[in-house]
Amino acid sequence: MLSVVYKSLIKAETYLFVERRDDFTRVPAPLMQTFGTPKLTMIINLATKTHLGQADLSKVRTALITQGYYLQLPPPPENLLKQFKEQQAQNRE
């Protein structure tokens, strides 16, 4: 199963996986507007992969089959203040 991966020039660390190169017909128009002009990043064979960098491989495959695309969003930012407070609370115990 081949997948074509595009990155967003508007949204940092946001990637769109589609089944065929330059075929965004199954991607909702509002998503494409938010994503912006897609920039081709790579073409990968999902059948030969055992894992992907930040995306769950099985979710990517399922999404491509069922909806025709997969949107990979960046991981949420670390809440360093929350981590610090939790660490301080543990140190007090």
C-alpha atoms as a PDB file:
ATOM      1  CA  MET A   1       0.000   0.000   0.000  1.00  0.00           C
ATOM      2  CA  LEU A   2       1.607   3.221  -1.168  1.00  0.00           C
ATOM      3  CA  SER A   3       0.950   6.536   0.502  1.00  0.00           C
ATOM      4  CA  VAL A   4       1.951  10.019  -0.502  1.00  0.00           C
ATOM      5  CA  VAL A   5       2.841  12.368   2.338  1.00  0.00           C
ATOM      6  CA  TYR A   6       2.497  16.137   2.167  1.00  0.00           C
ATOM      7  CA  LYS A   7       3.475  18.712   4.751  1.00  0.00           C
ATOM      8  CA  SER A   8       1.595  21.876   5.530  1.00  0.00           C
ATOM      9  CA  LEU A   9       3.374  25.162   4.953  1.00  0.00           C
ATOM     10  CA  ILE A  10       0.888  26.864   7.300  1.00  0.00           C
ATOM     11  CA  LYS A  11       0.690  24.447  10.225  1.00  0.00           C
ATOM     12  CA  ALA A  12       4.038  23.329  11.615  1.00  0.00           C
ATOM     13  CA  GLU A  13       4.623  19.574  11.936  1.00  0.00           C
ATOM     14  CA  THR A  14       1.315  18.778  10.232  1.00  0.00           C
ATOM     15  CA  TYR A  15       1.274  16.087   7.548  1.00  0.00           C
ATOM     16  CA  LEU A  16      -1.384  14.752   5.212  1.00  0.00           C
ATOM     17  CA  PHE A  17      -1.226  11.171   3.927  1.00  0.00           C
ATOM     18  CA  VAL A  18      -3.209  10.385   0.753  1.00  0.00           C
ATOM     19  CA  GLU A  19      -3.442   7.362  -1.506  1.00  0.00           C
ATOM     20  CA  ARG A  20      -2.323   8.944  -4.785  1.00  0.00           C
ATOM     21  CA  ARG A  21      -0.042  11.815  -5.680  1.00  0.00           C
ATOM     22  CA  ASP A  22      -1.859  15.154  -5.995  1.00  0.00           C
ATOM     23  CA  ASP A  23      -5.268  13.480  -5.456  1.00  0.00           C
ATOM     24  CA  PHE A  24      -7.065  15.367  -2.699  1.00  0.00           C
ATOM     25  CA  THR A  25     -10.594  14.547  -3.869  1.00  0.00           C
ATOM     26  CA  ARG A  26     -11.433  12.610  -0.690  1.00  0.00           C
ATOM     27  CA  VAL A  27     -10.018  15.274   1.645  1.00  0.00           C
ATOM     28  CA  PRO A  28     -12.710  17.679   2.931  1.00  0.00           C
ATOM     29  CA  ALA A  29     -12.460  21.191   1.478  1.00  0.00           C
ATOM     30  CA  PRO A  30     -12.331  22.926   4.912  1.00  0.00           C
ATOM     31  CA  LEU A  31      -9.388  20.723   5.884  1.00  0.00           C
ATOM     32  CA  MET A  32      -7.552  21.600   2.679  1.00  0.00           C
ATOM     33  CA  GLN A  33      -8.159  25.306   3.323  1.00  0.00           C
ATOM     34  CA  THR A  34      -6.740  25.037   6.840  1.00  0.00           C
ATOM     35  CA  PHE A  35      -3.861  22.827   5.681  1.00  0.00           C
ATOM     36  CA  GLY A  36      -2.881  25.251   2.925  1.00  0.00           C
ATOM     37  CA  THR A  37      -0.915  24.411  -0.191  1.00  0.00           C
ATOM     38  CA  PRO A  38       0.471  20.913   0.344  1.00  0.00           C
ATOM     39  CA  LYS A  39       4.179  20.344  -0.211  1.00  0.00           C
ATOM     40  CA  LEU A  40       5.185  16.851  -1.330  1.00  0.00           C
ATOM     41  CA  THR A  41       7.415  15.299   1.310  1.00  0.00           C
ATOM     42  CA  MET A  42       7.690  11.620   0.437  1.00  0.00           C
ATOM     43  CA  ILE A  43       6.087   8.551  -1.062  1.00  0.00           C
ATOM     44  CA  ILE A  44       6.213   5.544   1.249  1.00  0.00           C
ATOM     45  CA  ASN A  45       5.182   1.926   0.988  1.00  0.00           C
ATOM     46  CA  LEU A  46       3.167   1.261   4.127  1.00  0.00           C
ATOM     47  CA  ALA A  47       3.192  -2.484   3.432  1.00  0.00           C
ATOM     48  CA  THR A  48       6.932  -2.656   4.122  1.00  0.00           C
ATOM     49  CA  LYS A  49       6.918  -0.434   7.218  1.00  0.00           C
ATOM     50  CA  THR A  50       6.759  -1.702  10.780  1.00  0.00           C
ATOM     51  CA  HIS A  51       6.328   1.753  12.322  1.00  0.00           C
ATOM     52  CA  LEU A  52       6.154   5.431  11.439  1.00  0.00           C
ATOM     53  CA  GLY A  53       7.830   8.334  13.181  1.00  0.00           C
ATOM     54  CA  GLN A  54       4.903   9.866  15.056  1.00  0.00           C
ATOM     55  CA  ALA A  55       1.821   8.209  13.579  1.00  0.00           C
ATOM     56  CA  ASP A  56       0.281   4.855  14.427  1.00  0.00           C
ATOM     57  CA  LEU A  57       0.796   2.705  11.328  1.00  0.00           C
ATOM     58  CA  SER A  58      -2.455   0.766  11.710  1.00  0.00           C
ATOM     59  CA  LYS A  59      -4.446   3.995  12.137  1.00  0.00           C
ATOM     60  CA  VAL A  60      -2.848   5.451   8.997  1.00  0.00           C
ATOM     61  CA  ARG A  61      -3.690   2.345   6.957  1.00  0.00           C
ATOM     62  CA  THR A  62      -7.257   2.213   8.276  1.00  0.00           C
ATOM     63  CA  ALA A  63      -7.846   5.923   7.636  1.00  0.00           C
ATOM     64  CA  LEU A  64      -6.507   5.698   4.086  1.00  0.00           C
ATOM     65  CA  ILE A  65      -8.834   2.785   3.317  1.00  0.00           C
ATOM     66  CA  THR A  66     -11.955   4.179   5.006  1.00  0.00           C
ATOM     67  CA  GLN A  67     -11.723   7.918   4.377  1.00  0.00           C
ATOM     68  CA  GLY A  68      -8.973   8.295   1.800  1.00  0.00           C
ATOM     69  CA  TYR A  69      -6.606  10.398   3.894  1.00  0.00           C
ATOM     70  CA  TYR A  70      -4.877  10.592   7.263  1.00  0.00           C
ATOM     71  CA  LEU A  71      -4.002  13.846   9.015  1.00  0.00           C
ATOM     72  CA  GLN A  72      -0.984  13.763  11.334  1.00  0.00           C
ATOM     73  CA  LEU A  73      -0.981  16.609  13.818  1.00  0.00           C
ATOM     74  CA  PRO A  74       2.005  17.689  15.902  1.00  0.00           C
ATOM     75  CA  PRO A  75       2.276  16.316  19.423  1.00  0.00           C
ATOM     76  CA  PRO A  76       0.805  18.601  22.083  1.00  0.00           C
ATOM     77  CA  PRO A  77       3.297  20.987  23.658  1.00  0.00           C
ATOM     78  CA  GLU A  78       4.822  19.906  26.942  1.00  0.00           C
ATOM     79  CA  ASN A  79       3.364  21.611  29.976  1.00  0.00           C
ATOM     80  CA  LEU A  80       6.606  22.217  31.841  1.00  0.00           C
ATOM     81  CA  LEU A  81       4.915  24.103  34.670  1.00  0.00           C
ATOM     82  CA  LYS A  82       2.595  21.160  35.349  1.00  0.00           C
ATOM     83  CA  GLN A  83       5.525  18.734  35.281  1.00  0.00           C
ATOM     84  CA  PHE A  84       7.474  20.946  37.685  1.00  0.00           C
ATOM     85  CA  LYS A  85       4.537  21.161  40.121  1.00  0.00           C
ATOM     86  CA  GLU A  86       4.037  17.386  40.013  1.00  0.00           C
ATOM     87  CA  GLN A  87       7.735  16.838  40.666  1.00  0.00           C
ATOM     88  CA  GLN A  88       7.666  19.289  43.584  1.00  0.00           C
ATOM     89  CA  ALA A  89       4.649  17.516  45.074  1.00  0.00           C
ATOM     90  CA  GLN A  90       6.423  14.160  44.796  1.00  0.00           C
ATOM     91  CA  ASN A  91       9.524  15.569  46.460  1.00  0.00           C
ATOM     92  CA  ARG A  92       7.442  16.791  49.429  1.00  0.00           C
ATOM     93  CA  GLU A  93       6.025  13.313  50.057  1.00  0.00           C
END
